[in-house]
Amino acid sequence: MLTMLSDPSLAAPAPPATVCGDTSVLRERKKVERESLSEQTVWMLAVRDDRCRVAFGRLFDHFAPRLKGVICRSGMPPNQAEDVVQDVMLTVWRKAAMFDPERAQVSAWIYQIARNRQIDVIRKERRPVPEELKLPEETQEDAAQVLALDQETQKLRAALDRLKPAQREMVEKAYLGELTHADIHKQTGLPLGTIKSRIRLGLERLRHELKEQGLT
């Protein structure tokens, strides 16, 4: 299970703030600027500028499961994928000062860190790097594609939230938790027939929701 990492650097005190000019005007300008940004970007800026651990926790909760899903789909075992995600999010904390919202979406910036880390792991194991992880020569990652993927993931989560609680629980355990029907039976004590029925009905409803949103 992914949990927010514990690292001594996370407890480091923020550097003292400096005052320059009319601070009330500066605060108002920052407020206006941040109101036009995505929620995730605002969290990232809070980490970058204020070393805010609450904002980092929100970033972790938002991106960690998404990163794990992307990494697992490339063939990496779940346990190893979790280790990579922990490393990536620690890098996000430590290198937050490098983030520039004018150069990249926060999702693109974090996914790039994840891809670099994943390639490092694969190379250390002396395995060929999958083609989908290789960057084309003289090109950069298409931030729009990454953002589109993130938006689709948010729509999927919204569709899941509209399922009946019992159906949603079974679908999440089977597909997000990567549990078999037998594993779910051991966890919940529910009959296998009930588990299969809830998953089937949940998936039917989910497909309907996604079709209405143009994602299928």
N, C-alpha and C. Protein backbone atom coordinates (compact mmCIF):
# COMPACT_ATOMS: atom_id res chain seq x y z
N MET A 1 0.84 -1.19 0.00
CA MET A 1 0.00 0.00 0.00
C MET A 1 0.88 1.24 0.00
N LEU A 2 0.49 2.18 -0.84
CA LEU A 2 1.26 3.42 -0.93
C LEU A 2 0.92 4.32 0.24
N THR A 3 1.94 4.72 1.00
CA THR A 3 1.76 5.69 2.07
C THR A 3 2.81 6.77 1.91
N MET A 4 2.47 7.97 2.36
CA MET A 4 3.40 9.07 2.19
C MET A 4 4.69 8.78 2.93
N LEU A 5 5.80 8.94 2.22
CA LEU A 5 7.09 8.61 2.74
C LEU A 5 7.47 9.44 3.96
N SER A 6 8.34 8.85 4.79
CA SER A 6 8.87 9.57 5.94
C SER A 6 10.35 9.79 5.69
N ASP A 7 10.76 11.03 5.67
CA ASP A 7 12.14 11.35 5.37
C ASP A 7 12.54 12.55 6.20
N PRO A 8 13.76 12.54 6.76
CA PRO A 8 14.19 13.67 7.59
C PRO A 8 14.06 15.01 6.91
N SER A 9 14.26 15.04 5.60
CA SER A 9 14.22 16.32 4.89
C SER A 9 12.83 16.94 4.90
N LEU A 10 11.80 16.10 5.09
CA LEU A 10 10.44 16.62 5.12
C LEU A 10 10.18 17.46 6.36
N ALA A 11 10.99 17.23 7.39
CA ALA A 11 10.80 17.97 8.64
C ALA A 11 11.67 19.22 8.71
N ALA A 12 12.43 19.45 7.66
CA ALA A 12 13.33 20.60 7.67
C ALA A 12 12.52 21.89 7.72
N PRO A 13 12.91 22.84 8.55
CA PRO A 13 12.15 24.09 8.65
C PRO A 13 12.25 24.91 7.38
N ALA A 14 11.20 25.62 7.09
CA ALA A 14 11.21 26.47 5.90
C ALA A 14 12.15 27.63 6.11
N PRO A 15 12.82 28.10 5.06
CA PRO A 15 13.71 29.25 5.20
C PRO A 15 12.93 30.48 5.59
N PRO A 16 13.53 31.42 6.31
CA PRO A 16 12.79 32.61 6.73
C PRO A 16 12.32 33.42 5.53
N ALA A 17 11.13 33.96 5.66
CA ALA A 17 10.58 34.76 4.57
C ALA A 17 11.25 36.12 4.54
N THR A 18 11.37 36.67 3.36
CA THR A 18 11.94 38.00 3.22
C THR A 18 10.85 38.96 2.80
N VAL A 19 10.92 40.18 3.25
CA VAL A 19 9.91 41.19 2.94
C VAL A 19 10.49 42.15 1.92
N CYS A 20 9.74 42.36 0.85
CA CYS A 20 10.23 43.30 -0.16
C CYS A 20 9.06 44.11 -0.67
N GLY A 21 9.13 45.39 -0.53
CA GLY A 21 8.10 46.27 -1.03
C GLY A 21 6.81 46.15 -0.25
N ASP A 22 5.71 46.42 -0.91
CA ASP A 22 4.39 46.39 -0.29
C ASP A 22 3.89 44.95 -0.26
N THR A 23 3.96 44.32 0.90
CA THR A 23 3.60 42.90 1.00
C THR A 23 2.13 42.67 0.71
N SER A 24 1.25 43.60 1.03
CA SER A 24 -0.17 43.41 0.77
C SER A 24 -0.44 43.33 -0.73
N VAL A 25 0.24 44.18 -1.51
CA VAL A 25 0.10 44.14 -2.96
C VAL A 25 0.64 42.84 -3.51
N LEU A 26 1.79 42.41 -2.97
CA LEU A 26 2.41 41.16 -3.42
C LEU A 26 1.49 39.98 -3.14
N ARG A 27 0.89 39.95 -1.93
CA ARG A 27 0.00 38.84 -1.59
C ARG A 27 -1.22 38.82 -2.51
N GLU A 28 -1.76 39.99 -2.81
CA GLU A 28 -2.93 40.06 -3.67
C GLU A 28 -2.60 39.59 -5.08
N ARG A 29 -1.42 39.96 -5.59
CA ARG A 29 -1.02 39.53 -6.91
C ARG A 29 -0.86 38.02 -6.97
N LYS A 30 -0.24 37.46 -5.92
CA LYS A 30 -0.07 36.00 -5.87
C LYS A 30 -1.43 35.30 -5.81
N LYS A 31 -2.38 35.90 -5.07
CA LYS A 31 -3.70 35.31 -4.96
C LYS A 31 -4.38 35.24 -6.32
N VAL A 32 -4.32 36.34 -7.08
CA VAL A 32 -4.92 36.38 -8.40
C VAL A 32 -4.25 35.38 -9.33
N GLU A 33 -2.91 35.33 -9.27
CA GLU A 33 -2.17 34.40 -10.13
C GLU A 33 -2.56 32.97 -9.83
N ARG A 34 -2.68 32.61 -8.57
CA ARG A 34 -2.94 31.22 -8.20
C ARG A 34 -4.39 30.82 -8.46
N GLU A 35 -5.29 31.78 -8.46
CA GLU A 35 -6.69 31.45 -8.73
C GLU A 35 -6.88 30.95 -10.16
N SER A 36 -5.95 31.29 -11.06
CA SER A 36 -6.07 30.86 -12.45
C SER A 36 -5.36 29.53 -12.70
N LEU A 37 -4.73 28.95 -11.66
CA LEU A 37 -3.98 27.71 -11.81
C LEU A 37 -4.81 26.52 -11.38
N SER A 38 -4.39 25.33 -11.83
CA SER A 38 -5.07 24.10 -11.40
C SER A 38 -4.79 23.86 -9.92
N GLU A 39 -5.65 23.06 -9.32
CA GLU A 39 -5.50 22.76 -7.90
C GLU A 39 -4.16 22.10 -7.61
N GLN A 40 -3.75 21.17 -8.49
CA GLN A 40 -2.47 20.48 -8.28
C GLN A 40 -1.28 21.44 -8.39
N THR A 41 -1.39 22.41 -9.30
CA THR A 41 -0.31 23.39 -9.44
C THR A 41 -0.21 24.26 -8.20
N VAL A 42 -1.35 24.63 -7.64
CA VAL A 42 -1.35 25.43 -6.41
C VAL A 42 -0.67 24.65 -5.28
N TRP A 43 -0.96 23.36 -5.18
CA TRP A 43 -0.30 22.53 -4.15
C TRP A 43 1.21 22.51 -4.38
N MET A 44 1.59 22.35 -5.66
CA MET A 44 3.02 22.26 -5.97
C MET A 44 3.72 23.57 -5.64
N LEU A 45 3.08 24.68 -5.91
CA LEU A 45 3.69 25.97 -5.59
C LEU A 45 3.79 26.17 -4.08
N ALA A 46 2.82 25.64 -3.34
CA ALA A 46 2.90 25.73 -1.88
C ALA A 46 4.07 24.91 -1.34
N VAL A 47 4.33 23.79 -1.99
CA VAL A 47 5.50 22.98 -1.61
C VAL A 47 6.78 23.72 -1.97
N ARG A 48 6.79 24.27 -3.18
CA ARG A 48 7.99 24.97 -3.66
C ARG A 48 8.30 26.22 -2.84
N ASP A 49 7.29 27.04 -2.60
CA ASP A 49 7.51 28.34 -2.00
C ASP A 49 7.48 28.33 -0.47
N ASP A 50 6.62 27.46 0.09
CA ASP A 50 6.42 27.47 1.54
C ASP A 50 6.83 26.18 2.24
N ARG A 51 7.29 25.18 1.45
CA ARG A 51 7.64 23.87 2.01
C ARG A 51 6.46 23.33 2.83
N CYS A 52 5.28 23.43 2.26
CA CYS A 52 4.04 23.05 2.95
C CYS A 52 3.85 21.54 2.88
N ARG A 53 3.86 20.89 4.03
CA ARG A 53 3.72 19.44 4.08
C ARG A 53 2.28 19.01 3.81
N VAL A 54 1.33 19.86 4.18
CA VAL A 54 -0.07 19.52 3.89
C VAL A 54 -0.29 19.47 2.37
N ALA A 55 0.23 20.46 1.67
CA ALA A 55 0.12 20.49 0.21
C ALA A 55 0.84 19.29 -0.41
N PHE A 56 1.99 18.93 0.16
CA PHE A 56 2.72 17.78 -0.36
C PHE A 56 1.91 16.50 -0.15
N GLY A 57 1.24 16.39 0.99
CA GLY A 57 0.40 15.23 1.24
C GLY A 57 -0.71 15.11 0.21
N ARG A 58 -1.28 16.26 -0.18
CA ARG A 58 -2.32 16.25 -1.20
C ARG A 58 -1.77 15.86 -2.57
N LEU A 59 -0.58 16.36 -2.88
CA LEU A 59 0.08 15.96 -4.13
C LEU A 59 0.33 14.45 -4.13
N PHE A 60 0.81 13.95 -3.00
CA PHE A 60 1.10 12.51 -2.89
C PHE A 60 -0.17 11.70 -3.11
N ASP A 61 -1.24 12.07 -2.41
CA ASP A 61 -2.49 11.32 -2.52
C ASP A 61 -3.05 11.37 -3.95
N HIS A 62 -2.81 12.48 -4.64
CA HIS A 62 -3.34 12.63 -6.00
C HIS A 62 -2.51 11.85 -7.01
N PHE A 63 -1.19 12.01 -6.95
CA PHE A 63 -0.34 11.45 -8.00
C PHE A 63 0.17 10.04 -7.73
N ALA A 64 0.37 9.64 -6.48
CA ALA A 64 0.97 8.34 -6.19
C ALA A 64 0.20 7.18 -6.83
N PRO A 65 -1.12 7.07 -6.64
CA PRO A 65 -1.81 5.94 -7.27
C PRO A 65 -1.81 6.01 -8.79
N ARG A 66 -1.84 7.22 -9.34
CA ARG A 66 -1.79 7.35 -10.79
C ARG A 66 -0.43 6.91 -11.33
N LEU A 67 0.63 7.33 -10.66
CA LEU A 67 1.97 6.91 -11.07
C LEU A 67 2.13 5.41 -10.99
N LYS A 68 1.64 4.82 -9.91
CA LYS A 68 1.76 3.37 -9.76
C LYS A 68 1.05 2.66 -10.91
N GLY A 69 -0.14 3.13 -11.27
CA GLY A 69 -0.88 2.51 -12.36
C GLY A 69 -0.13 2.59 -13.68
N VAL A 70 0.44 3.76 -13.98
CA VAL A 70 1.20 3.93 -15.22
C VAL A 70 2.43 3.02 -15.23
N ILE A 71 3.14 2.96 -14.10
CA ILE A 71 4.36 2.15 -14.02
C ILE A 71 4.05 0.67 -14.12
N CYS A 72 2.98 0.23 -13.45
CA CYS A 72 2.60 -1.19 -13.51
C CYS A 72 2.21 -1.59 -14.93
N ARG A 73 1.57 -0.68 -15.67
CA ARG A 73 1.16 -1.02 -17.04
C ARG A 73 2.36 -1.22 -17.95
N SER A 74 3.51 -0.71 -17.56
CA SER A 74 4.72 -0.92 -18.38
C SER A 74 5.38 -2.25 -18.07
N GLY A 75 4.83 -3.01 -17.11
CA GLY A 75 5.35 -4.34 -16.82
C GLY A 75 6.09 -4.48 -15.51
N MET A 76 6.21 -3.42 -14.72
CA MET A 76 6.93 -3.49 -13.45
C MET A 76 6.02 -4.07 -12.38
N PRO A 77 6.54 -4.98 -11.52
CA PRO A 77 5.73 -5.57 -10.44
C PRO A 77 5.22 -4.49 -9.49
N PRO A 78 4.04 -4.68 -8.91
CA PRO A 78 3.45 -3.66 -8.03
C PRO A 78 4.35 -3.22 -6.88
N ASN A 79 5.02 -4.18 -6.22
CA ASN A 79 5.88 -3.80 -5.09
C ASN A 79 7.03 -2.90 -5.54
N GLN A 80 7.62 -3.24 -6.67
CA GLN A 80 8.72 -2.42 -7.19
C GLN A 80 8.20 -1.07 -7.67
N ALA A 81 7.00 -1.08 -8.24
CA ALA A 81 6.39 0.19 -8.68
C ALA A 81 6.16 1.12 -7.50
N GLU A 82 5.75 0.57 -6.36
CA GLU A 82 5.54 1.39 -5.17
C GLU A 82 6.85 2.03 -4.72
N ASP A 83 7.95 1.26 -4.79
CA ASP A 83 9.25 1.82 -4.41
C ASP A 83 9.63 2.97 -5.34
N VAL A 84 9.37 2.81 -6.62
CA VAL A 84 9.68 3.87 -7.59
C VAL A 84 8.84 5.11 -7.28
N VAL A 85 7.57 4.90 -6.98
CA VAL A 85 6.69 6.04 -6.68
C VAL A 85 7.19 6.80 -5.45
N GLN A 86 7.61 6.05 -4.42
CA GLN A 86 8.15 6.70 -3.22
C GLN A 86 9.37 7.54 -3.57
N ASP A 87 10.26 7.01 -4.39
CA ASP A 87 11.45 7.75 -4.81
C ASP A 87 11.07 9.00 -5.60
N VAL A 88 10.10 8.85 -6.48
CA VAL A 88 9.67 9.97 -7.32
C VAL A 88 9.11 11.10 -6.46
N MET A 89 8.23 10.76 -5.52
CA MET A 89 7.61 11.79 -4.70
C MET A 89 8.63 12.44 -3.76
N LEU A 90 9.61 11.69 -3.30
CA LEU A 90 10.67 12.30 -2.50
C LEU A 90 11.47 13.28 -3.34
N THR A 91 11.70 12.92 -4.60
CA THR A 91 12.39 13.83 -5.52
C THR A 91 11.58 15.09 -5.75
N VAL A 92 10.26 14.94 -5.86
CA VAL A 92 9.38 16.10 -6.02
C VAL A 92 9.55 17.05 -4.84
N TRP A 93 9.61 16.51 -3.63
CA TRP A 93 9.80 17.35 -2.44
C TRP A 93 11.16 18.04 -2.46
N ARG A 94 12.19 17.27 -2.75
CA ARG A 94 13.56 17.80 -2.66
C ARG A 94 13.87 18.79 -3.78
N LYS A 95 13.28 18.58 -4.96
CA LYS A 95 13.60 19.42 -6.11
C LYS A 95 12.45 20.37 -6.48
N ALA A 96 11.60 20.63 -5.51
CA ALA A 96 10.44 21.49 -5.77
C ALA A 96 10.84 22.86 -6.30
N ALA A 97 12.00 23.34 -5.88
CA ALA A 97 12.45 24.67 -6.32
C ALA A 97 12.65 24.74 -7.83
N MET A 98 12.79 23.58 -8.48
CA MET A 98 13.01 23.55 -9.93
C MET A 98 11.71 23.65 -10.72
N PHE A 99 10.58 23.52 -10.05
CA PHE A 99 9.30 23.54 -10.78
C PHE A 99 8.95 24.95 -11.24
N ASP A 100 8.58 25.06 -12.51
CA ASP A 100 8.18 26.35 -13.09
C ASP A 100 6.88 26.13 -13.85
N PRO A 101 5.75 26.65 -13.33
CA PRO A 101 4.46 26.41 -13.99
C PRO A 101 4.37 27.03 -15.37
N GLU A 102 5.25 27.97 -15.71
CA GLU A 102 5.22 28.57 -17.03
C GLU A 102 5.89 27.68 -18.08
N ARG A 103 6.66 26.70 -17.60
CA ARG A 103 7.37 25.81 -18.53
C ARG A 103 6.69 24.47 -18.70
N ALA A 104 5.96 24.00 -17.66
CA ALA A 104 5.33 22.68 -17.75
C ALA A 104 4.20 22.57 -16.75
N GLN A 105 3.19 21.79 -17.11
CA GLN A 105 2.15 21.44 -16.16
C GLN A 105 2.78 20.60 -15.05
N VAL A 106 2.23 20.70 -13.85
CA VAL A 106 2.79 19.93 -12.74
C VAL A 106 2.70 18.43 -13.02
N SER A 107 1.63 18.00 -13.69
CA SER A 107 1.51 16.58 -14.01
C SER A 107 2.62 16.13 -14.96
N ALA A 108 2.91 16.95 -15.98
CA ALA A 108 3.98 16.61 -16.92
C ALA A 108 5.32 16.58 -16.22
N TRP A 109 5.55 17.52 -15.31
CA TRP A 109 6.83 17.60 -14.57
C TRP A 109 7.02 16.35 -13.70
N ILE A 110 5.99 15.95 -13.00
CA ILE A 110 6.10 14.79 -12.12
C ILE A 110 6.21 13.50 -12.92
N TYR A 111 5.43 13.38 -14.00
CA TYR A 111 5.52 12.17 -14.83
C TYR A 111 6.90 12.05 -15.48
N GLN A 112 7.51 13.17 -15.81
CA GLN A 112 8.85 13.12 -16.38
C GLN A 112 9.85 12.58 -15.36
N ILE A 113 9.74 13.03 -14.12
CA ILE A 113 10.60 12.51 -13.05
C ILE A 113 10.38 11.01 -12.90
N ALA A 114 9.12 10.59 -12.96
CA ALA A 114 8.81 9.16 -12.81
C ALA A 114 9.39 8.34 -13.95
N ARG A 115 9.29 8.85 -15.16
CA ARG A 115 9.83 8.11 -16.29
C ARG A 115 11.35 8.00 -16.19
N ASN A 116 12.00 9.09 -15.81
CA ASN A 116 13.46 9.03 -15.67
C ASN A 116 13.87 8.01 -14.61
N ARG A 117 13.13 8.00 -13.48
CA ARG A 117 13.44 7.06 -12.42
C ARG A 117 13.19 5.62 -12.86
N GLN A 118 12.12 5.40 -13.59
CA GLN A 118 11.80 4.07 -14.07
C GLN A 118 12.88 3.56 -15.03
N ILE A 119 13.34 4.43 -15.90
CA ILE A 119 14.40 4.05 -16.84
C ILE A 119 15.68 3.70 -16.08
N ASP A 120 16.00 4.48 -15.03
CA ASP A 120 17.18 4.18 -14.21
C ASP A 120 17.10 2.78 -13.62
N VAL A 121 15.93 2.43 -13.10
CA VAL A 121 15.75 1.10 -12.49
C VAL A 121 15.94 0.01 -13.53
N ILE A 122 15.33 0.20 -14.68
CA ILE A 122 15.42 -0.82 -15.74
C ILE A 122 16.87 -1.00 -16.19
N ARG A 123 17.60 0.11 -16.33
CA ARG A 123 18.99 0.02 -16.78
C ARG A 123 19.87 -0.66 -15.75
N LYS A 124 19.60 -0.41 -14.46
CA LYS A 124 20.38 -1.07 -13.41
C LYS A 124 20.17 -2.58 -13.43
N GLU A 125 19.00 -2.99 -13.86
CA GLU A 125 18.71 -4.42 -13.95
C GLU A 125 19.16 -5.01 -15.29
N ARG A 126 19.81 -4.16 -16.09
CA ARG A 126 20.35 -4.59 -17.39
C ARG A 126 19.26 -5.15 -18.30
N ARG A 127 18.10 -4.55 -18.25
CA ARG A 127 17.00 -4.93 -19.14
C ARG A 127 16.85 -3.87 -20.21
N PRO A 128 16.39 -4.23 -21.41
CA PRO A 128 16.17 -3.22 -22.44
C PRO A 128 15.05 -2.28 -22.02
N VAL A 129 15.23 -1.01 -22.31
CA VAL A 129 14.22 -0.01 -21.97
C VAL A 129 13.06 -0.14 -22.94
N PRO A 130 11.81 -0.32 -22.45
CA PRO A 130 10.66 -0.40 -23.37
C PRO A 130 10.56 0.82 -24.26
N GLU A 131 10.13 0.60 -25.49
CA GLU A 131 10.06 1.69 -26.46
C GLU A 131 9.21 2.85 -25.97
N GLU A 132 8.12 2.53 -25.21
CA GLU A 132 7.23 3.62 -24.79
C GLU A 132 7.88 4.54 -23.76
N LEU A 133 9.01 4.09 -23.17
CA LEU A 133 9.69 4.92 -22.18
C LEU A 133 10.79 5.77 -22.79
N LYS A 134 11.17 5.46 -24.04
CA LYS A 134 12.26 6.19 -24.67
C LYS A 134 11.75 7.52 -25.22
N LEU A 135 12.53 8.57 -24.99
CA LEU A 135 12.19 9.88 -25.55
C LEU A 135 12.70 9.98 -26.98
N PRO A 136 11.89 10.41 -27.92
CA PRO A 136 12.38 10.63 -29.28
C PRO A 136 13.50 11.66 -29.26
N GLU A 137 14.43 11.54 -30.18
CA GLU A 137 15.55 12.47 -30.25
C GLU A 137 15.05 13.88 -30.53
N GLU A 138 15.64 14.84 -29.83
CA GLU A 138 15.39 16.26 -30.03
C GLU A 138 13.93 16.64 -29.80
N THR A 139 13.25 15.87 -28.99
CA THR A 139 11.87 16.22 -28.64
C THR A 139 11.71 16.14 -27.14
N GLN A 140 10.67 16.78 -26.64
CA GLN A 140 10.36 16.72 -25.23
C GLN A 140 8.99 16.07 -25.05
N GLU A 141 8.71 15.66 -23.85
CA GLU A 141 7.42 15.02 -23.58
C GLU A 141 6.28 15.99 -23.88
N ASP A 142 5.26 15.45 -24.51
CA ASP A 142 4.09 16.26 -24.84
C ASP A 142 3.26 16.45 -23.59
N ALA A 143 3.37 17.61 -22.99
CA ALA A 143 2.65 17.87 -21.73
C ALA A 143 1.15 17.79 -21.94
N ALA A 144 0.67 18.13 -23.12
CA ALA A 144 -0.77 18.08 -23.38
C ALA A 144 -1.29 16.65 -23.27
N GLN A 145 -0.51 15.68 -23.76
CA GLN A 145 -0.93 14.29 -23.69
C GLN A 145 -0.98 13.82 -22.24
N VAL A 146 0.02 14.23 -21.46
CA VAL A 146 0.03 13.84 -20.05
C VAL A 146 -1.15 14.45 -19.33
N LEU A 147 -1.44 15.71 -19.63
CA LEU A 147 -2.57 16.38 -18.99
C LEU A 147 -3.88 15.71 -19.39
N ALA A 148 -3.98 15.31 -20.66
CA ALA A 148 -5.19 14.63 -21.13
C ALA A 148 -5.38 13.31 -20.40
N LEU A 149 -4.28 12.57 -20.20
CA LEU A 149 -4.35 11.31 -19.46
C LEU A 149 -4.82 11.55 -18.04
N ASP A 150 -4.30 12.60 -17.42
CA ASP A 150 -4.67 12.92 -16.05
C ASP A 150 -6.15 13.30 -15.98
N GLN A 151 -6.63 14.05 -16.97
CA GLN A 151 -8.03 14.44 -16.99
C GLN A 151 -8.94 13.23 -17.17
N GLU A 152 -8.50 12.27 -18.02
CA GLU A 152 -9.28 11.06 -18.21
C GLU A 152 -9.33 10.25 -16.92
N THR A 153 -8.21 10.23 -16.20
CA THR A 153 -8.17 9.52 -14.93
C THR A 153 -9.14 10.14 -13.94
N GLN A 154 -9.21 11.47 -13.93
CA GLN A 154 -10.15 12.16 -13.04
C GLN A 154 -11.59 11.83 -13.40
N LYS A 155 -11.88 11.73 -14.71
CA LYS A 155 -13.23 11.37 -15.14
C LYS A 155 -13.56 9.94 -14.73
N LEU A 156 -12.56 9.05 -14.81
CA LEU A 156 -12.77 7.67 -14.39
C LEU A 156 -13.08 7.62 -12.90
N ARG A 157 -12.33 8.38 -12.12
CA ARG A 157 -12.57 8.42 -10.68
C ARG A 157 -13.97 8.96 -10.38
N ALA A 158 -14.39 9.99 -11.13
CA ALA A 158 -15.72 10.55 -10.93
C ALA A 158 -16.79 9.51 -11.27
N ALA A 159 -16.55 8.74 -12.34
CA ALA A 159 -17.51 7.69 -12.72
C ALA A 159 -17.57 6.61 -11.64
N LEU A 160 -16.42 6.26 -11.08
CA LEU A 160 -16.38 5.27 -10.00
C LEU A 160 -17.17 5.76 -8.79
N ASP A 161 -17.05 7.05 -8.51
CA ASP A 161 -17.73 7.61 -7.35
C ASP A 161 -19.24 7.57 -7.49
N ARG A 162 -19.73 7.45 -8.73
CA ARG A 162 -21.18 7.41 -8.95
C ARG A 162 -21.75 6.00 -8.85
N LEU A 163 -20.88 5.01 -8.71
CA LEU A 163 -21.36 3.64 -8.53
C LEU A 163 -21.92 3.47 -7.13
N LYS A 164 -22.75 2.45 -6.96
CA LYS A 164 -23.20 2.10 -5.62
C LYS A 164 -21.98 1.71 -4.79
N PRO A 165 -21.95 2.09 -3.52
CA PRO A 165 -20.77 1.83 -2.68
C PRO A 165 -20.29 0.38 -2.72
N ALA A 166 -21.22 -0.58 -2.67
CA ALA A 166 -20.82 -1.99 -2.67
C ALA A 166 -20.17 -2.37 -3.99
N GLN A 167 -20.70 -1.85 -5.10
CA GLN A 167 -20.12 -2.14 -6.42
C GLN A 167 -18.77 -1.47 -6.57
N ARG A 168 -18.69 -0.20 -6.13
CA ARG A 168 -17.43 0.53 -6.26
C ARG A 168 -16.32 -0.17 -5.48
N GLU A 169 -16.65 -0.64 -4.29
CA GLU A 169 -15.64 -1.31 -3.46
C GLU A 169 -15.07 -2.53 -4.17
N MET A 170 -15.94 -3.33 -4.77
CA MET A 170 -15.48 -4.55 -5.44
C MET A 170 -14.64 -4.23 -6.68
N VAL A 171 -15.09 -3.22 -7.46
CA VAL A 171 -14.36 -2.84 -8.67
C VAL A 171 -12.98 -2.30 -8.30
N GLU A 172 -12.92 -1.46 -7.27
CA GLU A 172 -11.64 -0.89 -6.86
C GLU A 172 -10.69 -1.97 -6.35
N LYS A 173 -11.22 -2.91 -5.59
CA LYS A 173 -10.35 -3.99 -5.08
C LYS A 173 -9.82 -4.84 -6.21
N ALA A 174 -10.67 -5.12 -7.20
CA ALA A 174 -10.27 -6.01 -8.29
C ALA A 174 -9.34 -5.34 -9.29
N TYR A 175 -9.60 -4.05 -9.59
CA TYR A 175 -8.86 -3.42 -10.68
C TYR A 175 -7.83 -2.39 -10.21
N LEU A 176 -8.11 -1.69 -9.14
CA LEU A 176 -7.11 -0.76 -8.61
C LEU A 176 -6.23 -1.44 -7.57
N GLY A 177 -6.81 -2.31 -6.78
CA GLY A 177 -6.04 -3.04 -5.78
C GLY A 177 -5.39 -4.28 -6.31
N GLU A 178 -5.75 -4.68 -7.58
CA GLU A 178 -5.17 -5.83 -8.25
C GLU A 178 -5.36 -7.11 -7.44
N LEU A 179 -6.53 -7.26 -6.83
CA LEU A 179 -6.83 -8.45 -6.05
C LEU A 179 -7.64 -9.43 -6.89
N THR A 180 -7.42 -10.72 -6.66
CA THR A 180 -8.23 -11.74 -7.31
C THR A 180 -9.55 -11.87 -6.57
N HIS A 181 -10.49 -12.58 -7.18
CA HIS A 181 -11.77 -12.81 -6.50
C HIS A 181 -11.54 -13.55 -5.18
N ALA A 182 -10.60 -14.48 -5.19
CA ALA A 182 -10.31 -15.23 -3.96
C ALA A 182 -9.73 -14.32 -2.88
N ASP A 183 -8.87 -13.38 -3.29
CA ASP A 183 -8.30 -12.43 -2.33
C ASP A 183 -9.39 -11.56 -1.70
N ILE A 184 -10.33 -11.11 -2.55
CA ILE A 184 -11.42 -10.28 -2.04
C ILE A 184 -12.29 -11.08 -1.08
N HIS A 185 -12.51 -12.35 -1.42
CA HIS A 185 -13.30 -13.23 -0.54
C HIS A 185 -12.63 -13.34 0.84
N LYS A 186 -11.31 -13.51 0.85
CA LYS A 186 -10.59 -13.62 2.12
C LYS A 186 -10.67 -12.32 2.92
N GLN A 187 -10.61 -11.20 2.21
CA GLN A 187 -10.65 -9.89 2.89
C GLN A 187 -12.03 -9.57 3.46
N THR A 188 -13.07 -9.86 2.67
CA THR A 188 -14.41 -9.41 3.03
C THR A 188 -15.31 -10.49 3.61
N GLY A 189 -15.01 -11.76 3.29
CA GLY A 189 -15.87 -12.85 3.74
C GLY A 189 -17.11 -13.01 2.89
N LEU A 190 -17.24 -12.21 1.84
CA LEU A 190 -18.41 -12.30 0.96
C LEU A 190 -18.33 -13.54 0.08
N PRO A 191 -19.47 -14.13 -0.28
CA PRO A 191 -19.47 -15.26 -1.21
C PRO A 191 -18.90 -14.85 -2.57
N LEU A 192 -18.23 -15.79 -3.24
CA LEU A 192 -17.64 -15.48 -4.54
C LEU A 192 -18.70 -15.03 -5.53
N GLY A 193 -19.90 -15.63 -5.46
CA GLY A 193 -20.96 -15.25 -6.37
C GLY A 193 -21.37 -13.79 -6.19
N THR A 194 -21.41 -13.34 -4.95
CA THR A 194 -21.75 -11.94 -4.68
C THR A 194 -20.67 -11.01 -5.20
N ILE A 195 -19.42 -11.40 -4.98
CA ILE A 195 -18.29 -10.59 -5.45
C ILE A 195 -18.33 -10.44 -6.96
N LYS A 196 -18.51 -11.57 -7.67
CA LYS A 196 -18.54 -11.53 -9.14
C LYS A 196 -19.72 -10.72 -9.64
N SER A 197 -20.87 -10.85 -8.99
CA SER A 197 -22.06 -10.11 -9.41
C SER A 197 -21.87 -8.61 -9.25
N ARG A 198 -21.29 -8.20 -8.11
CA ARG A 198 -21.08 -6.77 -7.87
C ARG A 198 -20.07 -6.18 -8.85
N ILE A 199 -19.03 -6.95 -9.15
CA ILE A 199 -18.04 -6.48 -10.12
C ILE A 199 -18.67 -6.34 -11.50
N ARG A 200 -19.46 -7.35 -11.90
CA ARG A 200 -20.10 -7.32 -13.21
C ARG A 200 -21.04 -6.13 -13.34
N LEU A 201 -21.89 -5.95 -12.33
CA LEU A 201 -22.84 -4.83 -12.38
C LEU A 201 -22.11 -3.48 -12.32
N GLY A 202 -21.05 -3.42 -11.51
CA GLY A 202 -20.28 -2.19 -11.41
C GLY A 202 -19.61 -1.83 -12.72
N LEU A 203 -19.06 -2.83 -13.40
CA LEU A 203 -18.39 -2.58 -14.67
C LEU A 203 -19.39 -2.16 -15.75
N GLU A 204 -20.57 -2.77 -15.73
CA GLU A 204 -21.59 -2.38 -16.70
C GLU A 204 -21.99 -0.91 -16.51
N ARG A 205 -22.17 -0.53 -15.26
CA ARG A 205 -22.52 0.86 -14.97
C ARG A 205 -21.37 1.80 -15.31
N LEU A 206 -20.15 1.35 -15.02
CA LEU A 206 -18.98 2.18 -15.31
C LEU A 206 -18.82 2.40 -16.80
N ARG A 207 -19.02 1.35 -17.60
CA ARG A 207 -18.93 1.49 -19.05
C ARG A 207 -19.98 2.48 -19.57
N HIS A 208 -21.17 2.42 -18.97
CA HIS A 208 -22.22 3.36 -19.37
C HIS A 208 -21.82 4.79 -19.05
N GLU A 209 -21.27 5.02 -17.85
CA GLU A 209 -20.85 6.36 -17.44
C GLU A 209 -19.75 6.88 -18.36
N LEU A 210 -18.77 6.03 -18.67
CA LEU A 210 -17.65 6.45 -19.50
C LEU A 210 -18.08 6.70 -20.94
N LYS A 211 -19.05 5.89 -21.42
CA LYS A 211 -19.55 6.09 -22.79
C LYS A 211 -20.21 7.46 -22.91
N GLU A 212 -20.95 7.86 -21.86
CA GLU A 212 -21.61 9.16 -21.89
C GLU A 212 -20.59 10.31 -21.92
N GLN A 213 -19.39 10.05 -21.35
CA GLN A 213 -18.35 11.08 -21.32
C GLN A 213 -17.42 10.98 -22.53
N GLY A 214 -17.72 10.04 -23.43
CA GLY A 214 -16.92 9.90 -24.65
C GLY A 214 -15.56 9.27 -24.43
N LEU A 215 -15.43 8.45 -23.36
CA LEU A 215 -14.14 7.83 -23.06
C LEU A 215 -14.08 6.38 -23.47
N THR A 216 -15.11 5.86 -24.11
CA THR A 216 -15.08 4.48 -24.60
C THR A 216 -15.50 4.43 -26.05
